[in-house]
Amino acid sequence: TLAYNEAEGPKARADALEFFKSLFG
């Protein structure tokens, strides 16, 4: 099964971007 998740998808993207922002200062 491959499926977008309306609730968790945006959270995951935000978590990923925050990681890279922190990593790169």
PDBML (XML) file of the C-alpha atoms, coordinates in Angstrom:
<?xml version="1.0" encoding="UTF-8" ?>
<PDBx:datablock datablockName="MODEL"
   xmlns:PDBx="http://pdbml.pdb.org/schema/pdbx-v50.xsd"
   xmlns:xsi="http://www.w3.org/2001/XMLSchema-instance"
   xsi:schemaLocation="http://pdbml.pdb.org/schema/pdbx-v50.xsd pdbx-v50.xsd">
   <PDBx:atom_siteCategory>
      <PDBx:atom_site id="1">
         <PDBx:B_iso_or_equiv>0.00</PDBx:B_iso_or_equiv>
         <PDBx:Cartn_x>0.000</PDBx:Cartn_x>
         <PDBx:Cartn_y>0.000</PDBx:Cartn_y>
         <PDBx:Cartn_z>0.000</PDBx:Cartn_z>
         <PDBx:auth_asym_id>A</PDBx:auth_asym_id>
         <PDBx:auth_atom_id>CA</PDBx:auth_atom_id>
         <PDBx:auth_comp_id>THR</PDBx:auth_comp_id>
         <PDBx:auth_seq_id>1</PDBx:auth_seq_id>
         <PDBx:group_PDB>ATOM</PDBx:group_PDB>
         <PDBx:label_alt_id xsi:nil="true" />
         <PDBx:label_asym_id>A</PDBx:label_asym_id>
         <PDBx:label_atom_id>CA</PDBx:label_atom_id>
         <PDBx:label_comp_id>THR</PDBx:label_comp_id>
         <PDBx:label_entity_id>1</PDBx:label_entity_id>
         <PDBx:label_seq_id>1</PDBx:label_seq_id>
         <PDBx:occupancy>1.00</PDBx:occupancy>
         <PDBx:pdbx_PDB_model_num>1</PDBx:pdbx_PDB_model_num>
         <PDBx:type_symbol>C</PDBx:type_symbol>
      </PDBx:atom_site>
      <PDBx:atom_site id="2">
         <PDBx:B_iso_or_equiv>0.00</PDBx:B_iso_or_equiv>
         <PDBx:Cartn_x>1.232</PDBx:Cartn_x>
         <PDBx:Cartn_y>3.475</PDBx:Cartn_y>
         <PDBx:Cartn_z>-0.902</PDBx:Cartn_z>
         <PDBx:auth_asym_id>A</PDBx:auth_asym_id>
         <PDBx:auth_atom_id>CA</PDBx:auth_atom_id>
         <PDBx:auth_comp_id>LEU</PDBx:auth_comp_id>
         <PDBx:auth_seq_id>2</PDBx:auth_seq_id>
         <PDBx:group_PDB>ATOM</PDBx:group_PDB>
         <PDBx:label_alt_id xsi:nil="true" />
         <PDBx:label_asym_id>A</PDBx:label_asym_id>
         <PDBx:label_atom_id>CA</PDBx:label_atom_id>
         <PDBx:label_comp_id>LEU</PDBx:label_comp_id>
         <PDBx:label_entity_id>1</PDBx:label_entity_id>
         <PDBx:label_seq_id>2</PDBx:label_seq_id>
         <PDBx:occupancy>1.00</PDBx:occupancy>
         <PDBx:pdbx_PDB_model_num>1</PDBx:pdbx_PDB_model_num>
         <PDBx:type_symbol>C</PDBx:type_symbol>
      </PDBx:atom_site>
      <PDBx:atom_site id="3">
         <PDBx:B_iso_or_equiv>0.00</PDBx:B_iso_or_equiv>
         <PDBx:Cartn_x>-0.762</PDBx:Cartn_x>
         <PDBx:Cartn_y>6.387</PDBx:Cartn_y>
         <PDBx:Cartn_z>0.469</PDBx:Cartn_z>
         <PDBx:auth_asym_id>A</PDBx:auth_asym_id>
         <PDBx:auth_atom_id>CA</PDBx:auth_atom_id>
         <PDBx:auth_comp_id>ALA</PDBx:auth_comp_id>
         <PDBx:auth_seq_id>3</PDBx:auth_seq_id>
         <PDBx:group_PDB>ATOM</PDBx:group_PDB>
         <PDBx:label_alt_id xsi:nil="true" />
         <PDBx:label_asym_id>A</PDBx:label_asym_id>
         <PDBx:label_atom_id>CA</PDBx:label_atom_id>
         <PDBx:label_comp_id>ALA</PDBx:label_comp_id>
         <PDBx:label_entity_id>1</PDBx:label_entity_id>
         <PDBx:label_seq_id>3</PDBx:label_seq_id>
         <PDBx:occupancy>1.00</PDBx:occupancy>
         <PDBx:pdbx_PDB_model_num>1</PDBx:pdbx_PDB_model_num>
         <PDBx:type_symbol>C</PDBx:type_symbol>
      </PDBx:atom_site>
      <PDBx:atom_site id="4">
         <PDBx:B_iso_or_equiv>0.00</PDBx:B_iso_or_equiv>
         <PDBx:Cartn_x>-0.437</PDBx:Cartn_x>
         <PDBx:Cartn_y>10.004</PDBx:Cartn_y>
         <PDBx:Cartn_z>1.578</PDBx:Cartn_z>
         <PDBx:auth_asym_id>A</PDBx:auth_asym_id>
         <PDBx:auth_atom_id>CA</PDBx:auth_atom_id>
         <PDBx:auth_comp_id>TYR</PDBx:auth_comp_id>
         <PDBx:auth_seq_id>4</PDBx:auth_seq_id>
         <PDBx:group_PDB>ATOM</PDBx:group_PDB>
         <PDBx:label_alt_id xsi:nil="true" />
         <PDBx:label_asym_id>A</PDBx:label_asym_id>
         <PDBx:label_atom_id>CA</PDBx:label_atom_id>
         <PDBx:label_comp_id>TYR</PDBx:label_comp_id>
         <PDBx:label_entity_id>1</PDBx:label_entity_id>
         <PDBx:label_seq_id>4</PDBx:label_seq_id>
         <PDBx:occupancy>1.00</PDBx:occupancy>
         <PDBx:pdbx_PDB_model_num>1</PDBx:pdbx_PDB_model_num>
         <PDBx:type_symbol>C</PDBx:type_symbol>
      </PDBx:atom_site>
      <PDBx:atom_site id="5">
         <PDBx:B_iso_or_equiv>0.00</PDBx:B_iso_or_equiv>
         <PDBx:Cartn_x>-1.513</PDBx:Cartn_x>
         <PDBx:Cartn_y>10.703</PDBx:Cartn_y>
         <PDBx:Cartn_z>5.151</PDBx:Cartn_z>
         <PDBx:auth_asym_id>A</PDBx:auth_asym_id>
         <PDBx:auth_atom_id>CA</PDBx:auth_atom_id>
         <PDBx:auth_comp_id>ASN</PDBx:auth_comp_id>
         <PDBx:auth_seq_id>5</PDBx:auth_seq_id>
         <PDBx:group_PDB>ATOM</PDBx:group_PDB>
         <PDBx:label_alt_id xsi:nil="true" />
         <PDBx:label_asym_id>A</PDBx:label_asym_id>
         <PDBx:label_atom_id>CA</PDBx:label_atom_id>
         <PDBx:label_comp_id>ASN</PDBx:label_comp_id>
         <PDBx:label_entity_id>1</PDBx:label_entity_id>
         <PDBx:label_seq_id>5</PDBx:label_seq_id>
         <PDBx:occupancy>1.00</PDBx:occupancy>
         <PDBx:pdbx_PDB_model_num>1</PDBx:pdbx_PDB_model_num>
         <PDBx:type_symbol>C</PDBx:type_symbol>
      </PDBx:atom_site>
      <PDBx:atom_site id="6">
         <PDBx:B_iso_or_equiv>0.00</PDBx:B_iso_or_equiv>
         <PDBx:Cartn_x>-3.327</PDBx:Cartn_x>
         <PDBx:Cartn_y>14.014</PDBx:Cartn_y>
         <PDBx:Cartn_z>5.662</PDBx:Cartn_z>
         <PDBx:auth_asym_id>A</PDBx:auth_asym_id>
         <PDBx:auth_atom_id>CA</PDBx:auth_atom_id>
         <PDBx:auth_comp_id>GLU</PDBx:auth_comp_id>
         <PDBx:auth_seq_id>6</PDBx:auth_seq_id>
         <PDBx:group_PDB>ATOM</PDBx:group_PDB>
         <PDBx:label_alt_id xsi:nil="true" />
         <PDBx:label_asym_id>A</PDBx:label_asym_id>
         <PDBx:label_atom_id>CA</PDBx:label_atom_id>
         <PDBx:label_comp_id>GLU</PDBx:label_comp_id>
         <PDBx:label_entity_id>1</PDBx:label_entity_id>
         <PDBx:label_seq_id>6</PDBx:label_seq_id>
         <PDBx:occupancy>1.00</PDBx:occupancy>
         <PDBx:pdbx_PDB_model_num>1</PDBx:pdbx_PDB_model_num>
         <PDBx:type_symbol>C</PDBx:type_symbol>
      </PDBx:atom_site>
      <PDBx:atom_site id="7">
         <PDBx:B_iso_or_equiv>0.00</PDBx:B_iso_or_equiv>
         <PDBx:Cartn_x>-2.434</PDBx:Cartn_x>
         <PDBx:Cartn_y>14.214</PDBx:Cartn_y>
         <PDBx:Cartn_z>9.348</PDBx:Cartn_z>
         <PDBx:auth_asym_id>A</PDBx:auth_asym_id>
         <PDBx:auth_atom_id>CA</PDBx:auth_atom_id>
         <PDBx:auth_comp_id>ALA</PDBx:auth_comp_id>
         <PDBx:auth_seq_id>7</PDBx:auth_seq_id>
         <PDBx:group_PDB>ATOM</PDBx:group_PDB>
         <PDBx:label_alt_id xsi:nil="true" />
         <PDBx:label_asym_id>A</PDBx:label_asym_id>
         <PDBx:label_atom_id>CA</PDBx:label_atom_id>
         <PDBx:label_comp_id>ALA</PDBx:label_comp_id>
         <PDBx:label_entity_id>1</PDBx:label_entity_id>
         <PDBx:label_seq_id>7</PDBx:label_seq_id>
         <PDBx:occupancy>1.00</PDBx:occupancy>
         <PDBx:pdbx_PDB_model_num>1</PDBx:pdbx_PDB_model_num>
         <PDBx:type_symbol>C</PDBx:type_symbol>
      </PDBx:atom_site>
      <PDBx:atom_site id="8">
         <PDBx:B_iso_or_equiv>0.00</PDBx:B_iso_or_equiv>
         <PDBx:Cartn_x>1.044</PDBx:Cartn_x>
         <PDBx:Cartn_y>12.715</PDBx:Cartn_y>
         <PDBx:Cartn_z>9.479</PDBx:Cartn_z>
         <PDBx:auth_asym_id>A</PDBx:auth_asym_id>
         <PDBx:auth_atom_id>CA</PDBx:auth_atom_id>
         <PDBx:auth_comp_id>GLU</PDBx:auth_comp_id>
         <PDBx:auth_seq_id>8</PDBx:auth_seq_id>
         <PDBx:group_PDB>ATOM</PDBx:group_PDB>
         <PDBx:label_alt_id xsi:nil="true" />
         <PDBx:label_asym_id>A</PDBx:label_asym_id>
         <PDBx:label_atom_id>CA</PDBx:label_atom_id>
         <PDBx:label_comp_id>GLU</PDBx:label_comp_id>
         <PDBx:label_entity_id>1</PDBx:label_entity_id>
         <PDBx:label_seq_id>8</PDBx:label_seq_id>
         <PDBx:occupancy>1.00</PDBx:occupancy>
         <PDBx:pdbx_PDB_model_num>1</PDBx:pdbx_PDB_model_num>
         <PDBx:type_symbol>C</PDBx:type_symbol>
      </PDBx:atom_site>
      <PDBx:atom_site id="9">
         <PDBx:B_iso_or_equiv>0.00</PDBx:B_iso_or_equiv>
         <PDBx:Cartn_x>2.446</PDBx:Cartn_x>
         <PDBx:Cartn_y>13.806</PDBx:Cartn_y>
         <PDBx:Cartn_z>6.106</PDBx:Cartn_z>
         <PDBx:auth_asym_id>A</PDBx:auth_asym_id>
         <PDBx:auth_atom_id>CA</PDBx:auth_atom_id>
         <PDBx:auth_comp_id>GLY</PDBx:auth_comp_id>
         <PDBx:auth_seq_id>9</PDBx:auth_seq_id>
         <PDBx:group_PDB>ATOM</PDBx:group_PDB>
         <PDBx:label_alt_id xsi:nil="true" />
         <PDBx:label_asym_id>A</PDBx:label_asym_id>
         <PDBx:label_atom_id>CA</PDBx:label_atom_id>
         <PDBx:label_comp_id>GLY</PDBx:label_comp_id>
         <PDBx:label_entity_id>1</PDBx:label_entity_id>
         <PDBx:label_seq_id>9</PDBx:label_seq_id>
         <PDBx:occupancy>1.00</PDBx:occupancy>
         <PDBx:pdbx_PDB_model_num>1</PDBx:pdbx_PDB_model_num>
         <PDBx:type_symbol>C</PDBx:type_symbol>
      </PDBx:atom_site>
      <PDBx:atom_site id="10">
         <PDBx:B_iso_or_equiv>0.00</PDBx:B_iso_or_equiv>
         <PDBx:Cartn_x>2.742</PDBx:Cartn_x>
         <PDBx:Cartn_y>17.507</PDBx:Cartn_y>
         <PDBx:Cartn_z>7.003</PDBx:Cartn_z>
         <PDBx:auth_asym_id>A</PDBx:auth_asym_id>
         <PDBx:auth_atom_id>CA</PDBx:auth_atom_id>
         <PDBx:auth_comp_id>PRO</PDBx:auth_comp_id>
         <PDBx:auth_seq_id>10</PDBx:auth_seq_id>
         <PDBx:group_PDB>ATOM</PDBx:group_PDB>
         <PDBx:label_alt_id xsi:nil="true" />
         <PDBx:label_asym_id>A</PDBx:label_asym_id>
         <PDBx:label_atom_id>CA</PDBx:label_atom_id>
         <PDBx:label_comp_id>PRO</PDBx:label_comp_id>
         <PDBx:label_entity_id>1</PDBx:label_entity_id>
         <PDBx:label_seq_id>10</PDBx:label_seq_id>
         <PDBx:occupancy>1.00</PDBx:occupancy>
         <PDBx:pdbx_PDB_model_num>1</PDBx:pdbx_PDB_model_num>
         <PDBx:type_symbol>C</PDBx:type_symbol>
      </PDBx:atom_site>
      <PDBx:atom_site id="11">
         <PDBx:B_iso_or_equiv>0.00</PDBx:B_iso_or_equiv>
         <PDBx:Cartn_x>4.218</PDBx:Cartn_x>
         <PDBx:Cartn_y>16.600</PDBx:Cartn_y>
         <PDBx:Cartn_z>10.401</PDBx:Cartn_z>
         <PDBx:auth_asym_id>A</PDBx:auth_asym_id>
         <PDBx:auth_atom_id>CA</PDBx:auth_atom_id>
         <PDBx:auth_comp_id>LYS</PDBx:auth_comp_id>
         <PDBx:auth_seq_id>11</PDBx:auth_seq_id>
         <PDBx:group_PDB>ATOM</PDBx:group_PDB>
         <PDBx:label_alt_id xsi:nil="true" />
         <PDBx:label_asym_id>A</PDBx:label_asym_id>
         <PDBx:label_atom_id>CA</PDBx:label_atom_id>
         <PDBx:label_comp_id>LYS</PDBx:label_comp_id>
         <PDBx:label_entity_id>1</PDBx:label_entity_id>
         <PDBx:label_seq_id>11</PDBx:label_seq_id>
         <PDBx:occupancy>1.00</PDBx:occupancy>
         <PDBx:pdbx_PDB_model_num>1</PDBx:pdbx_PDB_model_num>
         <PDBx:type_symbol>C</PDBx:type_symbol>
      </PDBx:atom_site>
      <PDBx:atom_site id="12">
         <PDBx:B_iso_or_equiv>0.00</PDBx:B_iso_or_equiv>
         <PDBx:Cartn_x>6.879</PDBx:Cartn_x>
         <PDBx:Cartn_y>14.467</PDBx:Cartn_y>
         <PDBx:Cartn_z>8.775</PDBx:Cartn_z>
         <PDBx:auth_asym_id>A</PDBx:auth_asym_id>
         <PDBx:auth_atom_id>CA</PDBx:auth_atom_id>
         <PDBx:auth_comp_id>ALA</PDBx:auth_comp_id>
         <PDBx:auth_seq_id>12</PDBx:auth_seq_id>
         <PDBx:group_PDB>ATOM</PDBx:group_PDB>
         <PDBx:label_alt_id xsi:nil="true" />
         <PDBx:label_asym_id>A</PDBx:label_asym_id>
         <PDBx:label_atom_id>CA</PDBx:label_atom_id>
         <PDBx:label_comp_id>ALA</PDBx:label_comp_id>
         <PDBx:label_entity_id>1</PDBx:label_entity_id>
         <PDBx:label_seq_id>12</PDBx:label_seq_id>
         <PDBx:occupancy>1.00</PDBx:occupancy>
         <PDBx:pdbx_PDB_model_num>1</PDBx:pdbx_PDB_model_num>
         <PDBx:type_symbol>C</PDBx:type_symbol>
      </PDBx:atom_site>
      <PDBx:atom_site id="13">
         <PDBx:B_iso_or_equiv>0.00</PDBx:B_iso_or_equiv>
         <PDBx:Cartn_x>7.804</PDBx:Cartn_x>
         <PDBx:Cartn_y>17.166</PDBx:Cartn_y>
         <PDBx:Cartn_z>6.274</PDBx:Cartn_z>
         <PDBx:auth_asym_id>A</PDBx:auth_asym_id>
         <PDBx:auth_atom_id>CA</PDBx:auth_atom_id>
         <PDBx:auth_comp_id>ARG</PDBx:auth_comp_id>
         <PDBx:auth_seq_id>13</PDBx:auth_seq_id>
         <PDBx:group_PDB>ATOM</PDBx:group_PDB>
         <PDBx:label_alt_id xsi:nil="true" />
         <PDBx:label_asym_id>A</PDBx:label_asym_id>
         <PDBx:label_atom_id>CA</PDBx:label_atom_id>
         <PDBx:label_comp_id>ARG</PDBx:label_comp_id>
         <PDBx:label_entity_id>1</PDBx:label_entity_id>
         <PDBx:label_seq_id>13</PDBx:label_seq_id>
         <PDBx:occupancy>1.00</PDBx:occupancy>
         <PDBx:pdbx_PDB_model_num>1</PDBx:pdbx_PDB_model_num>
         <PDBx:type_symbol>C</PDBx:type_symbol>
      </PDBx:atom_site>
      <PDBx:atom_site id="14">
         <PDBx:B_iso_or_equiv>0.00</PDBx:B_iso_or_equiv>
         <PDBx:Cartn_x>8.058</PDBx:Cartn_x>
         <PDBx:Cartn_y>19.727</PDBx:Cartn_y>
         <PDBx:Cartn_z>9.076</PDBx:Cartn_z>
         <PDBx:auth_asym_id>A</PDBx:auth_asym_id>
         <PDBx:auth_atom_id>CA</PDBx:auth_atom_id>
         <PDBx:auth_comp_id>ALA</PDBx:auth_comp_id>
         <PDBx:auth_seq_id>14</PDBx:auth_seq_id>
         <PDBx:group_PDB>ATOM</PDBx:group_PDB>
         <PDBx:label_alt_id xsi:nil="true" />
         <PDBx:label_asym_id>A</PDBx:label_asym_id>
         <PDBx:label_atom_id>CA</PDBx:label_atom_id>
         <PDBx:label_comp_id>ALA</PDBx:label_comp_id>
         <PDBx:label_entity_id>1</PDBx:label_entity_id>
         <PDBx:label_seq_id>14</PDBx:label_seq_id>
         <PDBx:occupancy>1.00</PDBx:occupancy>
         <PDBx:pdbx_PDB_model_num>1</PDBx:pdbx_PDB_model_num>
         <PDBx:type_symbol>C</PDBx:type_symbol>
      </PDBx:atom_site>
      <PDBx:atom_site id="15">
         <PDBx:B_iso_or_equiv>0.00</PDBx:B_iso_or_equiv>
         <PDBx:Cartn_x>10.219</PDBx:Cartn_x>
         <PDBx:Cartn_y>17.364</PDBx:Cartn_y>
         <PDBx:Cartn_z>11.146</PDBx:Cartn_z>
         <PDBx:auth_asym_id>A</PDBx:auth_asym_id>
         <PDBx:auth_atom_id>CA</PDBx:auth_atom_id>
         <PDBx:auth_comp_id>ASP</PDBx:auth_comp_id>
         <PDBx:auth_seq_id>15</PDBx:auth_seq_id>
         <PDBx:group_PDB>ATOM</PDBx:group_PDB>
         <PDBx:label_alt_id xsi:nil="true" />
         <PDBx:label_asym_id>A</PDBx:label_asym_id>
         <PDBx:label_atom_id>CA</PDBx:label_atom_id>
         <PDBx:label_comp_id>ASP</PDBx:label_comp_id>
         <PDBx:label_entity_id>1</PDBx:label_entity_id>
         <PDBx:label_seq_id>15</PDBx:label_seq_id>
         <PDBx:occupancy>1.00</PDBx:occupancy>
         <PDBx:pdbx_PDB_model_num>1</PDBx:pdbx_PDB_model_num>
         <PDBx:type_symbol>C</PDBx:type_symbol>
      </PDBx:atom_site>
      <PDBx:atom_site id="16">
         <PDBx:B_iso_or_equiv>0.00</PDBx:B_iso_or_equiv>
         <PDBx:Cartn_x>12.514</PDBx:Cartn_x>
         <PDBx:Cartn_y>16.697</PDBx:Cartn_y>
         <PDBx:Cartn_z>8.192</PDBx:Cartn_z>
         <PDBx:auth_asym_id>A</PDBx:auth_asym_id>
         <PDBx:auth_atom_id>CA</PDBx:auth_atom_id>
         <PDBx:auth_comp_id>ALA</PDBx:auth_comp_id>
         <PDBx:auth_seq_id>16</PDBx:auth_seq_id>
         <PDBx:group_PDB>ATOM</PDBx:group_PDB>
         <PDBx:label_alt_id xsi:nil="true" />
         <PDBx:label_asym_id>A</PDBx:label_asym_id>
         <PDBx:label_atom_id>CA</PDBx:label_atom_id>
         <PDBx:label_comp_id>ALA</PDBx:label_comp_id>
         <PDBx:label_entity_id>1</PDBx:label_entity_id>
         <PDBx:label_seq_id>16</PDBx:label_seq_id>
         <PDBx:occupancy>1.00</PDBx:occupancy>
         <PDBx:pdbx_PDB_model_num>1</PDBx:pdbx_PDB_model_num>
         <PDBx:type_symbol>C</PDBx:type_symbol>
      </PDBx:atom_site>
      <PDBx:atom_site id="17">
         <PDBx:B_iso_or_equiv>0.00</PDBx:B_iso_or_equiv>
         <PDBx:Cartn_x>12.950</PDBx:Cartn_x>
         <PDBx:Cartn_y>20.362</PDBx:Cartn_y>
         <PDBx:Cartn_z>7.326</PDBx:Cartn_z>
         <PDBx:auth_asym_id>A</PDBx:auth_asym_id>
         <PDBx:auth_atom_id>CA</PDBx:auth_atom_id>
         <PDBx:auth_comp_id>LEU</PDBx:auth_comp_id>
         <PDBx:auth_seq_id>17</PDBx:auth_seq_id>
         <PDBx:group_PDB>ATOM</PDBx:group_PDB>
         <PDBx:label_alt_id xsi:nil="true" />
         <PDBx:label_asym_id>A</PDBx:label_asym_id>
         <PDBx:label_atom_id>CA</PDBx:label_atom_id>
         <PDBx:label_comp_id>LEU</PDBx:label_comp_id>
         <PDBx:label_entity_id>1</PDBx:label_entity_id>
         <PDBx:label_seq_id>17</PDBx:label_seq_id>
         <PDBx:occupancy>1.00</PDBx:occupancy>
         <PDBx:pdbx_PDB_model_num>1</PDBx:pdbx_PDB_model_num>
         <PDBx:type_symbol>C</PDBx:type_symbol>
      </PDBx:atom_site>
      <PDBx:atom_site id="18">
         <PDBx:B_iso_or_equiv>0.00</PDBx:B_iso_or_equiv>
         <PDBx:Cartn_x>13.601</PDBx:Cartn_x>
         <PDBx:Cartn_y>21.269</PDBx:Cartn_y>
         <PDBx:Cartn_z>10.953</PDBx:Cartn_z>
         <PDBx:auth_asym_id>A</PDBx:auth_asym_id>
         <PDBx:auth_atom_id>CA</PDBx:auth_atom_id>
         <PDBx:auth_comp_id>GLU</PDBx:auth_comp_id>
         <PDBx:auth_seq_id>18</PDBx:auth_seq_id>
         <PDBx:group_PDB>ATOM</PDBx:group_PDB>
         <PDBx:label_alt_id xsi:nil="true" />
         <PDBx:label_asym_id>A</PDBx:label_asym_id>
         <PDBx:label_atom_id>CA</PDBx:label_atom_id>
         <PDBx:label_comp_id>GLU</PDBx:label_comp_id>
         <PDBx:label_entity_id>1</PDBx:label_entity_id>
         <PDBx:label_seq_id>18</PDBx:label_seq_id>
         <PDBx:occupancy>1.00</PDBx:occupancy>
         <PDBx:pdbx_PDB_model_num>1</PDBx:pdbx_PDB_model_num>
         <PDBx:type_symbol>C</PDBx:type_symbol>
      </PDBx:atom_site>
      <PDBx:atom_site id="19">
         <PDBx:B_iso_or_equiv>0.00</PDBx:B_iso_or_equiv>
         <PDBx:Cartn_x>16.333</PDBx:Cartn_x>
         <PDBx:Cartn_y>18.624</PDBx:Cartn_y>
         <PDBx:Cartn_z>11.064</PDBx:Cartn_z>
         <PDBx:auth_asym_id>A</PDBx:auth_asym_id>
         <PDBx:auth_atom_id>CA</PDBx:auth_atom_id>
         <PDBx:auth_comp_id>PHE</PDBx:auth_comp_id>
         <PDBx:auth_seq_id>19</PDBx:auth_seq_id>
         <PDBx:group_PDB>ATOM</PDBx:group_PDB>
         <PDBx:label_alt_id xsi:nil="true" />
         <PDBx:label_asym_id>A</PDBx:label_asym_id>
         <PDBx:label_atom_id>CA</PDBx:label_atom_id>
         <PDBx:label_comp_id>PHE</PDBx:label_comp_id>
         <PDBx:label_entity_id>1</PDBx:label_entity_id>
         <PDBx:label_seq_id>19</PDBx:label_seq_id>
         <PDBx:occupancy>1.00</PDBx:occupancy>
         <PDBx:pdbx_PDB_model_num>1</PDBx:pdbx_PDB_model_num>
         <PDBx:type_symbol>C</PDBx:type_symbol>
      </PDBx:atom_site>
      <PDBx:atom_site id="20">
         <PDBx:B_iso_or_equiv>0.00</PDBx:B_iso_or_equiv>
         <PDBx:Cartn_x>18.087</PDBx:Cartn_x>
         <PDBx:Cartn_y>20.117</PDBx:Cartn_y>
         <PDBx:Cartn_z>8.050</PDBx:Cartn_z>
         <PDBx:auth_asym_id>A</PDBx:auth_asym_id>
         <PDBx:auth_atom_id>CA</PDBx:auth_atom_id>
         <PDBx:auth_comp_id>PHE</PDBx:auth_comp_id>
         <PDBx:auth_seq_id>20</PDBx:auth_seq_id>
         <PDBx:group_PDB>ATOM</PDBx:group_PDB>
         <PDBx:label_alt_id xsi:nil="true" />
         <PDBx:label_asym_id>A</PDBx:label_asym_id>
         <PDBx:label_atom_id>CA</PDBx:label_atom_id>
         <PDBx:label_comp_id>PHE</PDBx:label_comp_id>
         <PDBx:label_entity_id>1</PDBx:label_entity_id>
         <PDBx:label_seq_id>20</PDBx:label_seq_id>
         <PDBx:occupancy>1.00</PDBx:occupancy>
         <PDBx:pdbx_PDB_model_num>1</PDBx:pdbx_PDB_model_num>
         <PDBx:type_symbol>C</PDBx:type_symbol>
      </PDBx:atom_site>
      <PDBx:atom_site id="21">
         <PDBx:B_iso_or_equiv>0.00</PDBx:B_iso_or_equiv>
         <PDBx:Cartn_x>17.706</PDBx:Cartn_x>
         <PDBx:Cartn_y>23.666</PDBx:Cartn_y>
         <PDBx:Cartn_z>9.357</PDBx:Cartn_z>
         <PDBx:auth_asym_id>A</PDBx:auth_asym_id>
         <PDBx:auth_atom_id>CA</PDBx:auth_atom_id>
         <PDBx:auth_comp_id>LYS</PDBx:auth_comp_id>
         <PDBx:auth_seq_id>21</PDBx:auth_seq_id>
         <PDBx:group_PDB>ATOM</PDBx:group_PDB>
         <PDBx:label_alt_id xsi:nil="true" />
         <PDBx:label_asym_id>A</PDBx:label_asym_id>
         <PDBx:label_atom_id>CA</PDBx:label_atom_id>
         <PDBx:label_comp_id>LYS</PDBx:label_comp_id>
         <PDBx:label_entity_id>1</PDBx:label_entity_id>
         <PDBx:label_seq_id>21</PDBx:label_seq_id>
         <PDBx:occupancy>1.00</PDBx:occupancy>
         <PDBx:pdbx_PDB_model_num>1</PDBx:pdbx_PDB_model_num>
         <PDBx:type_symbol>C</PDBx:type_symbol>
      </PDBx:atom_site>
      <PDBx:atom_site id="22">
         <PDBx:B_iso_or_equiv>0.00</PDBx:B_iso_or_equiv>
         <PDBx:Cartn_x>19.298</PDBx:Cartn_x>
         <PDBx:Cartn_y>22.630</PDBx:Cartn_y>
         <PDBx:Cartn_z>12.647</PDBx:Cartn_z>
         <PDBx:auth_asym_id>A</PDBx:auth_asym_id>
         <PDBx:auth_atom_id>CA</PDBx:auth_atom_id>
         <PDBx:auth_comp_id>SER</PDBx:auth_comp_id>
         <PDBx:auth_seq_id>22</PDBx:auth_seq_id>
         <PDBx:group_PDB>ATOM</PDBx:group_PDB>
         <PDBx:label_alt_id xsi:nil="true" />
         <PDBx:label_asym_id>A</PDBx:label_asym_id>
         <PDBx:label_atom_id>CA</PDBx:label_atom_id>
         <PDBx:label_comp_id>SER</PDBx:label_comp_id>
         <PDBx:label_entity_id>1</PDBx:label_entity_id>
         <PDBx:label_seq_id>22</PDBx:label_seq_id>
         <PDBx:occupancy>1.00</PDBx:occupancy>
         <PDBx:pdbx_PDB_model_num>1</PDBx:pdbx_PDB_model_num>
         <PDBx:type_symbol>C</PDBx:type_symbol>
      </PDBx:atom_site>
      <PDBx:atom_site id="23">
         <PDBx:B_iso_or_equiv>0.00</PDBx:B_iso_or_equiv>
         <PDBx:Cartn_x>21.988</PDBx:Cartn_x>
         <PDBx:Cartn_y>20.575</PDBx:Cartn_y>
         <PDBx:Cartn_z>10.915</PDBx:Cartn_z>
         <PDBx:auth_asym_id>A</PDBx:auth_asym_id>
         <PDBx:auth_atom_id>CA</PDBx:auth_atom_id>
         <PDBx:auth_comp_id>LEU</PDBx:auth_comp_id>
         <PDBx:auth_seq_id>23</PDBx:auth_seq_id>
         <PDBx:group_PDB>ATOM</PDBx:group_PDB>
         <PDBx:label_alt_id xsi:nil="true" />
         <PDBx:label_asym_id>A</PDBx:label_asym_id>
         <PDBx:label_atom_id>CA</PDBx:label_atom_id>
         <PDBx:label_comp_id>LEU</PDBx:label_comp_id>
         <PDBx:label_entity_id>1</PDBx:label_entity_id>
         <PDBx:label_seq_id>23</PDBx:label_seq_id>
         <PDBx:occupancy>1.00</PDBx:occupancy>
         <PDBx:pdbx_PDB_model_num>1</PDBx:pdbx_PDB_model_num>
         <PDBx:type_symbol>C</PDBx:type_symbol>
      </PDBx:atom_site>
      <PDBx:atom_site id="24">
         <PDBx:B_iso_or_equiv>0.00</PDBx:B_iso_or_equiv>
         <PDBx:Cartn_x>23.040</PDBx:Cartn_x>
         <PDBx:Cartn_y>23.493</PDBx:Cartn_y>
         <PDBx:Cartn_z>8.725</PDBx:Cartn_z>
         <PDBx:auth_asym_id>A</PDBx:auth_asym_id>
         <PDBx:auth_atom_id>CA</PDBx:auth_atom_id>
         <PDBx:auth_comp_id>PHE</PDBx:auth_comp_id>
         <PDBx:auth_seq_id>24</PDBx:auth_seq_id>
         <PDBx:group_PDB>ATOM</PDBx:group_PDB>
         <PDBx:label_alt_id xsi:nil="true" />
         <PDBx:label_asym_id>A</PDBx:label_asym_id>
         <PDBx:label_atom_id>CA</PDBx:label_atom_id>
         <PDBx:label_comp_id>PHE</PDBx:label_comp_id>
         <PDBx:label_entity_id>1</PDBx:label_entity_id>
         <PDBx:label_seq_id>24</PDBx:label_seq_id>
         <PDBx:occupancy>1.00</PDBx:occupancy>
         <PDBx:pdbx_PDB_model_num>1</PDBx:pdbx_PDB_model_num>
         <PDBx:type_symbol>C</PDBx:type_symbol>
      </PDBx:atom_site>
      <PDBx:atom_site id="25">
         <PDBx:B_iso_or_equiv>0.00</PDBx:B_iso_or_equiv>
         <PDBx:Cartn_x>22.523</PDBx:Cartn_x>
         <PDBx:Cartn_y>26.232</PDBx:Cartn_y>
         <PDBx:Cartn_z>11.315</PDBx:Cartn_z>
         <PDBx:auth_asym_id>A</PDBx:auth_asym_id>
         <PDBx:auth_atom_id>CA</PDBx:auth_atom_id>
         <PDBx:auth_comp_id>GLY</PDBx:auth_comp_id>
         <PDBx:auth_seq_id>25</PDBx:auth_seq_id>
         <PDBx:group_PDB>ATOM</PDBx:group_PDB>
         <PDBx:label_alt_id xsi:nil="true" />
         <PDBx:label_asym_id>A</PDBx:label_asym_id>
         <PDBx:label_atom_id>CA</PDBx:label_atom_id>
         <PDBx:label_comp_id>GLY</PDBx:label_comp_id>
         <PDBx:label_entity_id>1</PDBx:label_entity_id>
         <PDBx:label_seq_id>25</PDBx:label_seq_id>
         <PDBx:occupancy>1.00</PDBx:occupancy>
         <PDBx:pdbx_PDB_model_num>1</PDBx:pdbx_PDB_model_num>
         <PDBx:type_symbol>C</PDBx:type_symbol>
      </PDBx:atom_site>
   </PDBx:atom_siteCategory>
</PDBx:datablock>
